[in-house]
Each structure stands twice: as structure tokens, then as C-alpha cells.
Amino acid sequence: GVNCGFCHMPHFVVTSGLDKRQRELISEMPHQEVVALVYPHLRARAESSQFPEECHKVLSVVRLELPARTRVFLHQDVLDRLNRVLDHLSFSSLISLICKKYDRQPFAAEVSGQMDLLRFKVAHLVNL
């Protein structure tokens, strides 16, 4: 459906994404700040999904990268705009955002593997 965020099937709702400045800003941020910024959105998406248990397996891998205390050092207006956009991204788009820059690290490989399992399980559950 429109809110699934897991498949690559066409949907009828056009979602907005990060603009060029926001993409550059995120690409310049340290990995732990990106994870700290995106994690609350991932958790919210998982809790509101039709497959929360499956999502939490992916979240458990991401949570290992979540620092105990990391503050995102952005001006509040910039942070608010960025959070508004992140609020509208799908679970898989958020995962992609935190892994894109870090595709050579074991973290990205593990998250990618968990996402593949999640997509497989969701496809299987949907086809029942």
C-alpha cells in the first residue's frame, strides 16, 4: 500500500525528498550524527508499520551505531526543516540515507542484509 515503505512497487502518493542542500549537509555530517538524526524517524516508522517485529530486527543493528550521547550540531531552523522532510521518508529511504555514505563499513553490509530479510518476509506475508 501507500504507506508500506518496504517494496519497490509504484505507489500513488508522491513523497518529497531531501533537497540538494540537505543532502550535502548530511553527507558532511559525521556518521554518528546522521544515525542520531535518523534513528527517531526509523523507530517511529517501525512502530507505525504493519510489520513492527520485522522492522525492529533492522533497528537493533542500527541501534548499535547509536552513540550514548550525540547532539546534532545544526541551527534549530535547519534541523526543524530537515526533520520535517525525514518525517515523510519511508523506512527503506531512511535506512538508505544512513548507509549510503558508509557502504564500505560492515555496518552498512549488516543493515543491508537485514533489509533484504525484511523485504523477503514482508513479501511472503503480503502474498499469503
Foldseek 3Di string as FASTA:
>chain_A
DQQALQDPDDDDDDADADDPVRLVVLLPDPLQLLLVLLLVLLQVLLVPHPHNVLSVVLSVLSVVSHDPDDDNPDDPVVSVVNVVSSNRHGNVVSLCSSLVNPVPDVSNVVSVVSSVVSSVVVVVVVVD
